Amino acid sequence: MSHTLLSLLAFTPLVLAAILLVGLNWPARRAMPIVFVTTAIIGVVAWEMTITRVIASTLQGLILTASILWIIFGAIMLLNTLKHSGAITAIRGGFSRISPDRRVQAIIVAWLFGCFIEGASGFGTPAAIAAPLLVAIGFPALAAVTIGMMIQSTPVSFGAVGTPIVIGVTAGLDKEGITADLLANQSSWEVFYQLITSQVAITHAIVGLFMPLLMCVMLSRFFGKNRSWTEGLAIAPFAIFAGLAFVLPYAAAGVFLGPEFPSLIGALVGLSIVVPAAKAGFLIPKKTWDFADPKEWPTEWMGNIEIKLDALASKVPMKNWMAWVPYLLLAVFLVISRVVPEVTAFLTSFLSFGWSNILGEAGVSGNIQPFYLPGGIMIMVVAITFFLHRMKLGEIRQALNESSRTLLGAGFVLIFTIPMVRILINSGVNAADLPSMPIAMAQLVAEGMGAAYPFFAPAVGGLGAFIAGSNTVSNLMLSQYQFSVGELLGISSALLVAMQAVGAAAGNMIAIHNVVAASATVGLLGREGRTLRMTAIPTLYYLVFAGILAMLAVYVLGITDPLVPT
């Protein structure tokens, strides 16, 4: 079989998933088992993977699935706990006091608070937290998931305290070989690494500036009573102001401090500026925008998780600051767990379960760190909230029952989706001496693009994230490939690696298991195809805009790599 045909065959699982989920509107619980079996067959027959490696990859995927389900459970349990404690009622009232305008609420909850959670924890946590919170304050479930998934863009490259760059890019590149070239040119790995980080930060800052406005436009066009683009555009001055409040400190942190803190600093500075401005009505249109009456919402907008605030009206009203304490504790604990080495070491080793070289397959390993994962930290916050909000045992028991029922639906889908991803990634070890399926896909794209490749470099990163559901994993798979394409074409390798990281961040908006995980938190399982059609719009915006910036950088600004010989 020719190289081109093999590369096209590698695309089959993704194309099949798109047809079933988006084209035929199948629920993921029906589509993903078929996609998984198709992937396994291609791996064994065309890539000549051993049956043992396919099974090992499946087991590795199941271990990762357990980790993701733990995060989902933590997010749902925290929400349900706050619902039964009365905190959600207070939070909803607090947002109404900042501004009753739903566009403003989306910017503050999703864009700024969500970016902070992404900077602290990453791995899909922001959507799992922001989406149910948006539902709790009165957003339709489909709108909440769509906006929640849009968080998975600008802050993601520096999410989880910089993990996609610190781990993904560093481990994804041939560091020793590149360092040798750098030393020969009287430079260093540190300089080259910071160059990539700076280019990622600047590109995200330019493209991400308009993400709050795009969130508002998506809300008004697809979920507004009048289905109007202009009602979203009407808040452009405030949305761009909120964008600037985040991206300026974000970019500065990336350029001057490195990859660990841009999203955290950008969000903290942004919140401190935007919330007081919103309270003062600064740049906010006089005409308040809201959804239609919930009775008029289409059924497809509605999840099967209800937060019946009226039923909780008999509880003693809670002060707004007390209602927010659990989320503040969550943010603080997440940051401490990621930035204090002693705490990180303890949480990653205490009750950590792992399986190295599963079934004897080299490099196929998995582990679960229940206390380090955001799910464990959220459960710890739940325990504190039980005492802090003086809850009854019956209330916490009810929250546990509701959360467990929601988890069962997500689990069935993810036990097929993530093992499918691991088969794709691990297919590079095979009897036919073929590159892994993701690399084969990327090579096909590069060979057909030539000098236009910089425009498509972000899309390659996005493809990797779509497959793996992770910016970090996409960078691990494809950073060296992007670097090599830069050398081959005589284009800045650092810039292409940066575009890889930017595109991989955008690809998280359409990563199937991220959509499933976020959908589970608001009771939208089975309607993932509709969500994917929605999130494809901001993903396309991000990849096209980043691609244009890459072309301008190479062919107009003439950015090259003086550090690495071409």
Protein backbone atom coordinates (compact mmCIF):
# COMPACT_ATOMS: atom_id res chain seq x y z
CA MET A 1 0.00 0.00 0.00
CA SER A 2 1.37 3.44 -0.92
CA HIS A 3 2.40 6.00 1.67
CA THR A 4 -0.43 8.33 0.57
CA LEU A 5 -3.08 5.64 0.89
CA LEU A 6 -1.79 4.67 4.32
CA SER A 7 -1.91 8.31 5.43
CA LEU A 8 -5.47 8.62 4.16
CA LEU A 9 -6.35 5.40 5.98
CA ALA A 10 -4.97 6.93 9.19
CA PHE A 11 -7.61 9.64 8.87
CA THR A 12 -10.43 7.05 8.76
CA PRO A 13 -11.22 6.98 12.52
CA LEU A 14 -11.47 10.78 12.64
CA VAL A 15 -13.56 11.02 9.49
CA LEU A 16 -15.83 8.24 10.73
CA ALA A 17 -16.27 9.97 14.10
CA ALA A 18 -17.11 13.24 12.34
CA ILE A 19 -19.65 11.57 10.03
CA LEU A 20 -21.40 9.69 12.83
CA LEU A 21 -21.36 12.47 15.44
CA VAL A 22 -21.77 15.60 13.33
CA GLY A 23 -23.19 14.37 10.02
CA LEU A 24 -25.63 11.72 11.27
CA ASN A 25 -26.03 13.26 14.74
CA TRP A 26 -25.46 9.92 16.46
CA PRO A 27 -24.92 10.04 20.22
CA ALA A 28 -21.34 9.34 21.24
CA ARG A 29 -22.42 6.18 23.09
CA ARG A 30 -23.34 4.65 19.70
CA ALA A 31 -20.63 6.22 17.56
CA MET A 32 -17.49 5.74 19.63
CA PRO A 33 -17.64 1.93 20.05
CA ILE A 34 -17.74 1.67 16.23
CA VAL A 35 -14.85 4.13 15.87
CA PHE A 36 -12.85 2.21 18.48
CA VAL A 37 -13.27 -1.13 16.71
CA THR A 38 -12.41 0.48 13.35
CA THR A 39 -9.24 1.97 14.82
CA ALA A 40 -8.17 -1.37 16.30
CA ILE A 41 -8.70 -3.14 12.97
CA ILE A 42 -6.68 -0.53 11.06
CA GLY A 43 -3.92 -0.77 13.68
CA VAL A 44 -3.66 -4.56 13.39
CA VAL A 45 -4.25 -5.00 9.63
CA ALA A 46 -2.72 -1.91 8.00
CA TRP A 47 -0.17 -0.81 10.63
CA GLU A 48 0.70 -4.38 11.63
CA MET A 49 0.52 -3.60 15.33
CA THR A 50 0.59 -6.67 17.53
CA ILE A 51 -2.63 -7.72 19.23
CA THR A 52 -0.75 -7.33 22.52
CA ARG A 53 0.08 -3.69 21.77
CA VAL A 54 -3.53 -2.92 20.85
CA ILE A 55 -4.75 -4.49 24.10
CA ALA A 56 -2.03 -2.69 26.11
CA SER A 57 -3.03 0.61 24.50
CA THR A 58 -6.66 -0.10 25.38
CA LEU A 59 -5.73 -0.78 29.01
CA GLN A 60 -3.65 2.41 29.06
CA GLY A 61 -6.69 4.28 27.76
CA LEU A 62 -8.89 2.80 30.46
CA ILE A 63 -6.47 3.98 33.15
CA LEU A 64 -6.61 7.49 31.68
CA THR A 65 -10.39 7.18 31.48
CA ALA A 66 -10.51 6.52 35.22
CA SER A 67 -8.52 9.72 35.81
CA ILE A 68 -10.87 11.79 33.66
CA LEU A 69 -13.97 10.28 35.27
CA TRP A 70 -12.51 11.19 38.66
CA ILE A 71 -12.22 14.83 37.51
CA ILE A 72 -15.79 14.78 36.17
CA PHE A 73 -17.09 13.28 39.39
CA GLY A 74 -15.29 15.91 41.46
CA ALA A 75 -16.73 18.76 39.38
CA ILE A 76 -20.29 17.39 39.50
CA MET A 77 -20.06 16.57 43.20
CA LEU A 78 -18.85 20.08 44.01
CA LEU A 79 -21.69 21.63 42.02
CA ASN A 80 -24.34 19.41 43.62
CA THR A 81 -22.92 20.07 47.08
CA LEU A 82 -23.13 23.83 46.51
CA LYS A 83 -26.64 23.40 45.14
CA HIS A 84 -27.84 21.64 48.29
CA SER A 85 -25.96 23.97 50.63
CA GLY A 86 -27.71 26.99 49.09
CA ALA A 87 -24.47 28.47 47.74
CA ILE A 88 -25.60 28.31 44.10
CA THR A 89 -28.64 30.43 44.94
CA ALA A 90 -26.33 33.09 46.44
CA ILE A 91 -23.86 32.90 43.53
CA ARG A 92 -26.64 33.36 41.01
CA GLY A 93 -27.88 36.39 42.88
CA GLY A 94 -24.33 37.75 43.07
CA PHE A 95 -23.86 37.61 39.31
CA SER A 96 -27.16 39.34 38.81
CA ARG A 97 -25.91 42.13 41.06
CA ILE A 98 -22.69 42.49 39.03
CA SER A 99 -24.75 42.63 35.87
CA PRO A 100 -27.99 40.96 34.79
CA ASP A 101 -26.64 40.93 31.22
CA ARG A 102 -25.93 37.32 30.21
CA ARG A 103 -23.09 38.40 27.92
CA VAL A 104 -21.28 40.00 30.85
CA GLN A 105 -21.88 36.91 32.99
CA ALA A 106 -20.39 34.68 30.27
CA ILE A 107 -17.29 36.86 30.05
CA ILE A 108 -16.70 36.86 33.81
CA VAL A 109 -17.58 33.22 34.58
CA ALA A 110 -16.25 31.51 31.45
CA TRP A 111 -13.53 33.76 30.08
CA LEU A 112 -11.91 35.08 33.26
CA PHE A 113 -12.76 32.58 36.01
CA GLY A 114 -12.46 29.71 33.51
CA CYS A 115 -9.05 30.91 32.34
CA PHE A 116 -7.86 30.97 35.94
CA ILE A 117 -8.99 27.38 36.51
CA GLU A 118 -7.28 26.37 33.24
CA GLY A 119 -4.06 28.03 34.33
CA ALA A 120 -4.17 26.17 37.64
CA SER A 121 -5.30 22.71 36.59
CA GLY A 122 -5.91 22.25 32.87
CA PHE A 123 -6.98 18.85 31.48
CA GLY A 124 -10.57 19.85 30.72
CA THR A 125 -11.30 21.07 34.25
CA PRO A 126 -12.47 24.62 33.27
CA ALA A 127 -15.34 23.39 31.10
CA ALA A 128 -16.28 20.82 33.75
CA ILE A 129 -16.50 23.61 36.34
CA ALA A 130 -17.75 26.58 34.28
CA ALA A 131 -20.46 24.76 32.32
CA PRO A 132 -22.47 23.59 35.36
CA LEU A 133 -21.93 26.96 37.05
CA LEU A 134 -23.39 28.71 33.99
CA VAL A 135 -26.37 26.33 34.06
CA ALA A 136 -26.80 27.11 37.74
CA ILE A 137 -27.09 30.84 37.06
CA GLY A 138 -29.66 30.36 34.31
CA PHE A 139 -27.93 29.44 31.02
CA PRO A 140 -29.31 26.68 28.76
CA ALA A 141 -27.19 23.55 29.10
CA LEU A 142 -26.13 23.54 25.43
CA ALA A 143 -25.10 27.20 25.62
CA ALA A 144 -23.15 26.51 28.82
CA VAL A 145 -21.20 23.63 27.28
CA THR A 146 -20.51 25.60 24.10
CA ILE A 147 -19.17 28.59 26.05
CA GLY A 148 -17.36 26.25 28.47
CA MET A 149 -15.58 24.53 25.59
CA MET A 150 -14.51 27.91 24.18
CA ILE A 151 -12.41 28.40 27.32
CA GLN A 152 -10.27 25.56 25.93
CA SER A 153 -8.33 27.91 23.66
CA THR A 154 -6.21 30.90 24.67
CA PRO A 155 -5.25 29.81 28.22
CA VAL A 156 -4.65 26.15 27.33
CA SER A 157 -1.03 26.35 26.13
CA PHE A 158 -0.12 27.59 29.59
CA GLY A 159 -2.71 25.49 31.42
CA ALA A 160 -1.88 23.31 34.42
CA VAL A 161 0.94 25.72 35.29
CA GLY A 162 2.47 25.47 31.81
CA THR A 163 2.35 21.69 31.36
CA PRO A 164 1.74 21.75 27.55
CA ILE A 165 4.99 23.70 27.11
CA VAL A 166 7.03 22.51 30.09
CA ILE A 167 6.27 18.83 29.42
CA GLY A 168 4.68 18.68 25.97
CA VAL A 169 7.15 20.74 23.95
CA THR A 170 10.27 19.92 25.97
CA ALA A 171 9.68 16.16 25.91
CA GLY A 172 8.35 16.30 22.36
CA LEU A 173 11.59 17.72 20.92
CA ASP A 174 15.00 16.11 20.47
CA LYS A 175 16.43 18.32 23.18
CA GLU A 176 19.95 16.85 23.07
CA GLY A 177 20.30 17.21 19.30
CA ILE A 178 18.86 20.73 19.24
CA THR A 179 21.04 21.79 22.17
CA ALA A 180 24.15 20.64 20.31
CA ASP A 181 23.19 22.83 17.32
CA LEU A 182 22.45 25.75 19.62
CA LEU A 183 25.80 25.48 21.38
CA ALA A 184 27.54 25.37 18.00
CA ASN A 185 25.86 28.71 17.26
CA GLN A 186 26.88 30.15 20.65
CA SER A 187 23.35 29.98 22.01
CA SER A 188 21.51 27.70 24.44
CA TRP A 189 18.42 25.58 24.88
CA GLU A 190 17.08 28.09 27.43
CA VAL A 191 17.11 30.89 24.85
CA PHE A 192 15.45 28.74 22.19
CA TYR A 193 12.85 27.47 24.68
CA GLN A 194 11.97 31.01 25.76
CA LEU A 195 11.70 32.05 22.11
CA ILE A 196 9.03 29.37 21.56
CA THR A 197 7.22 30.39 24.76
CA SER A 198 7.20 34.07 23.75
CA GLN A 199 5.86 33.31 20.27
CA VAL A 200 3.10 31.13 21.73
CA ALA A 201 2.13 33.88 24.19
CA ILE A 202 2.11 36.67 21.59
CA THR A 203 0.12 34.63 19.04
CA HIS A 204 -2.48 33.60 21.62
CA ALA A 205 -2.73 37.18 22.87
CA ILE A 206 -3.55 38.49 19.38
CA VAL A 207 -6.03 35.75 18.48
CA GLY A 208 -7.48 35.43 21.98
CA LEU A 209 -8.23 39.14 22.24
CA PHE A 210 -11.51 38.58 20.38
CA MET A 211 -12.59 35.35 22.11
CA PRO A 212 -14.84 37.10 24.69
CA LEU A 213 -16.62 38.90 21.83
CA LEU A 214 -16.98 35.63 19.92
CA MET A 215 -18.52 34.04 23.02
CA CYS A 216 -21.13 36.82 23.15
CA VAL A 217 -21.87 36.56 19.43
CA MET A 218 -22.31 32.78 19.71
CA LEU A 219 -24.75 33.32 22.59
CA SER A 220 -26.89 35.92 20.83
CA ARG A 221 -26.88 34.21 17.41
CA PHE A 222 -27.62 30.64 18.48
CA PHE A 223 -29.34 31.04 21.86
CA GLY A 224 -30.92 34.48 21.74
CA LYS A 225 -34.62 35.13 21.34
CA ASN A 226 -33.96 36.99 18.08
CA ARG A 227 -31.10 34.78 16.78
CA SER A 228 -29.15 37.99 16.17
CA TRP A 229 -25.46 38.52 15.42
CA THR A 230 -25.75 42.24 16.19
CA GLU A 231 -26.96 41.72 19.77
CA GLY A 232 -23.65 39.99 20.47
CA LEU A 233 -21.63 42.60 18.60
CA ALA A 234 -23.35 45.34 20.62
CA ILE A 235 -21.18 44.51 23.61
CA ALA A 236 -17.95 44.68 21.56
CA PRO A 237 -16.39 47.57 23.55
CA PHE A 238 -16.76 45.74 26.88
CA ALA A 239 -15.80 42.35 25.39
CA ILE A 240 -12.62 43.72 23.82
CA PHE A 241 -11.84 45.56 27.07
CA ALA A 242 -12.18 42.22 28.91
CA GLY A 243 -10.01 40.58 26.26
CA LEU A 244 -7.28 43.18 26.71
CA ALA A 245 -7.49 42.92 30.51
CA PHE A 246 -6.53 39.26 30.16
CA VAL A 247 -4.19 39.06 27.15
CA LEU A 248 -1.88 41.98 27.99
CA PRO A 249 -0.67 40.63 31.37
CA TYR A 250 -0.86 37.11 29.87
CA ALA A 251 1.52 38.00 27.03
CA ALA A 252 3.85 39.92 29.35
CA ALA A 253 4.07 36.93 31.69
CA GLY A 254 4.84 34.61 28.77
CA VAL A 255 7.58 36.84 27.39
CA PHE A 256 9.24 37.80 30.68
CA LEU A 257 8.42 35.01 33.16
CA GLY A 258 8.12 31.82 31.10
CA PRO A 259 5.34 29.29 30.55
CA GLU A 260 4.16 28.54 34.08
CA PHE A 261 2.03 31.58 34.91
CA PRO A 262 0.61 33.48 31.89
CA SER A 263 -2.94 32.10 32.24
CA LEU A 264 -2.97 32.49 36.02
CA ILE A 265 -1.65 36.06 35.98
CA GLY A 266 -3.80 37.09 33.02
CA ALA A 267 -6.96 35.82 34.72
CA LEU A 268 -6.21 37.33 38.13
CA VAL A 269 -5.39 40.73 36.66
CA GLY A 270 -8.38 40.49 34.34
CA LEU A 271 -10.81 39.66 37.15
CA SER A 272 -9.49 42.49 39.32
CA ILE A 273 -10.11 44.95 36.47
CA VAL A 274 -13.24 43.63 34.74
CA VAL A 275 -15.48 42.80 37.73
CA PRO A 276 -15.36 46.35 39.21
CA ALA A 277 -15.79 47.79 35.72
CA ALA A 278 -18.86 45.61 35.13
CA LYS A 279 -20.37 46.67 38.46
CA ALA A 280 -19.87 50.29 37.42
CA GLY A 281 -21.50 49.65 34.04
CA PHE A 282 -18.31 50.62 32.19
CA LEU A 283 -18.75 50.11 28.40
CA ILE A 284 -21.82 47.92 28.96
CA PRO A 285 -24.79 48.65 26.63
CA LYS A 286 -27.81 50.20 28.24
CA LYS A 287 -30.05 47.47 26.84
CA THR A 288 -29.62 44.33 28.93
CA TRP A 289 -29.50 41.06 26.97
CA ASP A 290 -31.07 37.88 28.28
CA PHE A 291 -32.31 34.54 27.00
CA ALA A 292 -35.96 33.98 26.22
CA ASP A 293 -38.16 32.55 28.95
CA PRO A 294 -36.94 28.99 29.73
CA LYS A 295 -40.40 27.69 28.79
CA GLU A 296 -39.61 28.72 25.20
CA TRP A 297 -36.24 26.92 25.02
CA PRO A 298 -36.01 23.99 22.58
CA THR A 299 -35.70 20.59 24.22
CA GLU A 300 -32.26 20.06 22.66
CA TRP A 301 -30.90 22.98 24.71
CA MET A 302 -31.87 21.34 27.98
CA GLY A 303 -29.80 18.91 30.03
CA ASN A 304 -31.22 16.30 32.38
CA ILE A 305 -29.46 17.78 35.42
CA GLU A 306 -31.72 20.34 37.02
CA ILE A 307 -30.77 22.85 39.66
CA LYS A 308 -34.12 23.62 41.22
CA LEU A 309 -33.29 26.75 43.10
CA ASP A 310 -36.90 27.33 44.08
CA ALA A 311 -36.82 24.13 46.12
CA LEU A 312 -33.94 25.55 48.11
CA ALA A 313 -35.59 28.88 48.81
CA SER A 314 -36.50 27.79 52.34
CA LYS A 315 -32.83 27.60 53.33
CA VAL A 316 -31.34 30.48 55.30
CA PRO A 317 -29.91 32.94 52.73
CA MET A 318 -26.13 32.66 52.42
CA LYS A 319 -23.82 35.62 52.05
CA ASN A 320 -22.27 35.86 48.60
CA TRP A 321 -18.68 35.74 49.84
CA MET A 322 -19.39 32.58 51.82
CA ALA A 323 -20.95 30.95 48.75
CA TRP A 324 -17.76 31.65 46.76
CA VAL A 325 -15.35 30.34 49.41
CA PRO A 326 -15.39 26.75 48.03
CA TYR A 327 -14.40 27.98 44.55
CA LEU A 328 -11.71 30.21 46.06
CA LEU A 329 -10.40 27.26 48.09
CA LEU A 330 -10.41 25.17 44.91
CA ALA A 331 -8.34 27.75 43.08
CA VAL A 332 -5.87 28.13 45.98
CA PHE A 333 -5.47 24.38 46.46
CA LEU A 334 -4.98 23.81 42.73
CA VAL A 335 -2.24 26.44 42.57
CA ILE A 336 -0.48 25.16 45.71
CA SER A 337 -0.60 21.58 44.42
CA ARG A 338 1.11 22.67 41.19
CA VAL A 339 3.66 25.25 42.32
CA VAL A 340 4.90 24.04 45.72
CA PRO A 341 7.37 21.22 44.95
CA GLU A 342 6.96 19.47 48.32
CA VAL A 343 3.16 19.41 48.00
CA THR A 344 3.35 18.25 44.38
CA ALA A 345 5.75 15.44 45.32
CA PHE A 346 3.50 14.27 48.15
CA LEU A 347 0.27 14.35 46.13
CA THR A 348 1.78 12.59 43.12
CA SER A 349 3.22 9.78 45.24
CA PHE A 350 0.61 9.27 47.98
CA LEU A 351 -1.81 6.51 46.97
CA SER A 352 -0.57 6.69 43.38
CA PHE A 353 -1.38 3.67 41.22
CA GLY A 354 0.56 2.90 38.07
CA TRP A 355 1.35 0.20 35.50
CA SER A 356 4.60 0.62 33.57
CA ASN A 357 5.16 -1.10 30.22
CA ILE A 358 1.69 -2.65 30.22
CA LEU A 359 1.76 -6.29 29.04
CA GLY A 360 5.46 -5.83 28.35
CA GLU A 361 4.90 -3.10 25.73
CA ALA A 362 7.66 -0.49 26.04
CA GLY A 363 6.44 3.06 26.52
CA VAL A 364 2.82 2.04 27.14
CA SER A 365 2.23 3.04 30.74
CA GLY A 366 -0.48 4.59 32.84
CA ASN A 367 -1.02 5.87 36.35
CA ILE A 368 -3.69 7.39 38.56
CA GLN A 369 -2.86 10.02 41.17
CA PRO A 370 -6.23 10.54 42.86
CA PHE A 371 -5.08 13.25 45.28
CA TYR A 372 -3.10 15.23 42.68
CA LEU A 373 -5.80 15.15 40.01
CA PRO A 374 -8.30 18.05 40.19
CA GLY A 375 -11.00 15.52 41.07
CA GLY A 376 -9.33 14.71 44.38
CA ILE A 377 -8.83 18.37 45.19
CA MET A 378 -12.49 19.08 44.41
CA ILE A 379 -13.59 16.23 46.71
CA MET A 380 -11.41 17.74 49.44
CA VAL A 381 -13.19 21.08 48.90
CA VAL A 382 -16.54 19.24 49.11
CA ALA A 383 -15.53 17.85 52.52
CA ILE A 384 -14.59 21.33 53.76
CA THR A 385 -17.82 22.79 52.33
CA PHE A 386 -19.90 20.24 54.26
CA PHE A 387 -18.68 21.77 57.53
CA LEU A 388 -18.24 25.35 56.30
CA HIS A 389 -21.83 25.59 55.04
CA ARG A 390 -23.21 23.54 57.96
CA MET A 391 -24.84 20.96 55.74
CA LYS A 392 -26.86 17.95 56.86
CA LEU A 393 -25.84 14.38 56.10
CA GLY A 394 -28.98 13.91 54.01
CA GLU A 395 -28.01 16.83 51.77
CA ILE A 396 -24.52 15.52 51.06
CA ARG A 397 -25.95 12.02 50.49
CA GLN A 398 -28.38 13.43 47.94
CA ALA A 399 -25.54 15.27 46.18
CA LEU A 400 -23.54 12.02 46.06
CA ASN A 401 -26.44 10.07 44.55
CA GLU A 402 -27.08 12.68 41.85
CA SER A 403 -23.37 12.86 40.95
CA SER A 404 -22.98 9.08 40.73
CA ARG A 405 -25.91 8.74 38.34
CA THR A 406 -24.45 11.39 36.03
CA LEU A 407 -21.05 9.70 36.04
CA LEU A 408 -22.37 6.39 34.71
CA GLY A 409 -23.40 7.90 31.37
CA ALA A 410 -20.05 9.58 30.76
CA GLY A 411 -18.12 6.47 31.70
CA PHE A 412 -19.60 4.31 28.96
CA VAL A 413 -18.59 6.74 26.21
CA LEU A 414 -15.09 7.41 27.52
CA ILE A 415 -14.14 3.74 27.86
CA PHE A 416 -14.21 3.59 24.04
CA THR A 417 -13.01 7.09 23.15
CA ILE A 418 -9.74 7.28 25.09
CA PRO A 419 -8.51 3.74 24.28
CA MET A 420 -9.10 4.61 20.60
CA VAL A 421 -6.83 7.63 21.06
CA ARG A 422 -4.10 5.54 22.68
CA ILE A 423 -4.14 3.03 19.81
CA LEU A 424 -3.59 5.89 17.36
CA ILE A 425 -0.74 7.35 19.40
CA ASN A 426 0.96 4.02 20.11
CA SER A 427 0.74 2.78 16.52
CA GLY A 428 4.32 3.96 15.83
CA VAL A 429 5.65 0.63 17.12
CA ASN A 430 4.72 -1.88 14.40
CA ALA A 431 6.09 -4.65 12.19
CA ALA A 432 5.70 -2.53 9.03
CA ASP A 433 8.11 0.15 10.33
CA LEU A 434 5.50 2.87 9.76
CA PRO A 435 5.24 6.16 11.64
CA SER A 436 2.34 6.43 14.06
CA MET A 437 -1.02 7.26 12.53
CA PRO A 438 -1.00 10.90 13.79
CA ILE A 439 2.47 11.42 12.26
CA ALA A 440 1.31 9.86 8.98
CA MET A 441 -1.64 12.28 8.90
CA ALA A 442 0.64 15.26 9.56
CA GLN A 443 3.13 14.18 6.87
CA LEU A 444 0.36 14.01 4.28
CA VAL A 445 -0.67 17.55 5.13
CA ALA A 446 2.91 18.89 5.00
CA GLU A 447 3.77 17.22 1.70
CA GLY A 448 0.77 18.77 0.02
CA MET A 449 1.31 22.28 1.39
CA GLY A 450 4.95 23.22 0.63
CA ALA A 451 5.64 26.95 1.13
CA ALA A 452 2.07 27.44 2.38
CA TYR A 453 2.70 25.08 5.28
CA PRO A 454 3.00 27.78 8.01
CA PHE A 455 -0.69 28.57 7.45
CA PHE A 456 -1.57 24.92 8.15
CA ALA A 457 0.88 24.35 11.04
CA PRO A 458 -1.73 25.33 13.69
CA ALA A 459 -4.25 22.98 12.06
CA VAL A 460 -1.78 20.09 12.40
CA GLY A 461 -1.52 20.86 16.12
CA GLY A 462 -5.30 21.10 16.28
CA LEU A 463 -5.59 17.70 14.60
CA GLY A 464 -3.32 16.20 17.25
CA ALA A 465 -5.46 17.67 20.04
CA PHE A 466 -8.66 16.53 18.33
CA ILE A 467 -7.26 13.00 18.37
CA ALA A 468 -5.78 13.04 21.87
CA GLY A 469 -8.01 15.56 23.63
CA SER A 470 -4.88 17.19 25.04
CA ASN A 471 -2.60 20.06 24.09
CA THR A 472 0.21 18.35 25.99
CA VAL A 473 -0.16 15.04 24.14
CA SER A 474 -0.46 16.78 20.77
CA ASN A 475 2.80 18.62 21.51
CA LEU A 476 4.46 15.38 22.58
CA MET A 477 3.39 13.70 19.32
CA LEU A 478 4.05 16.47 16.84
CA SER A 479 6.59 19.05 18.14
CA GLN A 480 9.58 17.24 16.65
CA TYR A 481 7.68 16.76 13.40
CA GLN A 482 6.94 20.51 13.19
CA PHE A 483 10.59 21.29 13.98
CA SER A 484 11.74 18.95 11.20
CA VAL A 485 9.33 20.48 8.66
CA GLY A 486 10.79 23.88 9.50
CA GLU A 487 14.30 22.61 8.77
CA LEU A 488 13.15 20.91 5.57
CA LEU A 489 11.38 24.00 4.23
CA GLY A 490 13.91 26.54 5.54
CA ILE A 491 11.25 28.11 7.79
CA SER A 492 11.69 29.09 11.43
CA SER A 493 11.47 25.83 13.37
CA ALA A 494 10.79 27.67 16.64
CA LEU A 495 7.83 29.43 15.02
CA LEU A 496 6.35 26.18 13.70
CA VAL A 497 6.68 24.55 17.13
CA ALA A 498 4.94 27.61 18.60
CA MET A 499 2.14 27.30 16.01
CA GLN A 500 1.88 23.62 16.97
CA ALA A 501 1.25 24.61 20.59
CA VAL A 502 -1.27 27.32 19.61
CA GLY A 503 -3.18 25.04 17.25
CA ALA A 504 -3.20 22.22 19.79
CA ALA A 505 -4.80 24.59 22.30
CA ALA A 506 -7.55 25.46 19.81
CA GLY A 507 -8.08 21.77 19.00
CA ASN A 508 -9.22 21.18 22.57
CA MET A 509 -12.48 22.95 21.69
CA ILE A 510 -13.46 20.02 19.43
CA ALA A 511 -11.71 17.15 21.24
CA ILE A 512 -14.40 14.49 21.51
CA HIS A 513 -13.73 13.26 25.01
CA ASN A 514 -13.47 16.84 26.31
CA VAL A 515 -16.92 17.50 24.84
CA VAL A 516 -18.24 14.29 26.40
CA ALA A 517 -16.75 15.20 29.78
CA ALA A 518 -18.20 18.73 29.75
CA SER A 519 -21.57 17.46 28.48
CA ALA A 520 -21.75 14.98 31.33
CA THR A 521 -21.58 17.75 33.93
CA VAL A 522 -24.78 19.37 32.63
CA GLY A 523 -26.69 16.26 31.57
CA LEU A 524 -26.23 16.55 27.79
CA LEU A 525 -24.82 13.09 27.10
CA GLY A 526 -25.98 11.81 23.71
CA ARG A 527 -25.98 15.22 22.04
CA GLU A 528 -22.24 15.66 21.53
CA GLY A 529 -22.63 16.08 17.76
CA ARG A 530 -24.64 19.27 18.23
CA THR A 531 -21.99 20.64 20.59
CA LEU A 532 -19.22 19.78 18.11
CA ARG A 533 -21.02 21.66 15.35
CA MET A 534 -21.15 24.70 17.62
CA THR A 535 -17.56 24.59 18.82
CA ALA A 536 -16.26 24.03 15.28
CA ILE A 537 -16.95 27.73 14.62
CA PRO A 538 -14.54 29.20 17.22
CA THR A 539 -12.03 26.44 16.42
CA LEU A 540 -12.01 27.41 12.74
CA TYR A 541 -11.63 31.09 13.71
CA TYR A 542 -8.67 30.29 15.91
CA LEU A 543 -6.82 28.06 13.44
CA VAL A 544 -7.33 30.39 10.47
CA PHE A 545 -6.30 33.53 12.39
CA ALA A 546 -3.21 31.79 13.82
CA GLY A 547 -2.32 30.47 10.37
CA ILE A 548 -2.51 33.97 8.88
CA LEU A 549 -0.25 35.29 11.66
CA ALA A 550 2.24 32.48 10.93
CA MET A 551 2.34 33.37 7.22
CA LEU A 552 2.84 37.06 8.06
CA ALA A 553 5.63 36.19 10.50
CA VAL A 554 7.50 34.10 7.92
CA TYR A 555 6.93 35.99 4.67
CA VAL A 556 6.32 39.60 5.78
CA LEU A 557 8.27 39.99 9.04
CA GLY A 558 10.90 37.51 7.86
CA ILE A 559 11.19 35.73 11.22
CA THR A 560 13.95 33.12 11.08
CA ASP A 561 15.90 30.97 13.51
CA PRO A 562 19.34 32.52 13.97
CA LEU A 563 19.91 29.99 16.73
CA VAL A 564 19.57 26.78 14.75
CA PRO A 565 21.29 26.15 11.39
CA THR A 566 18.90 25.57 8.48
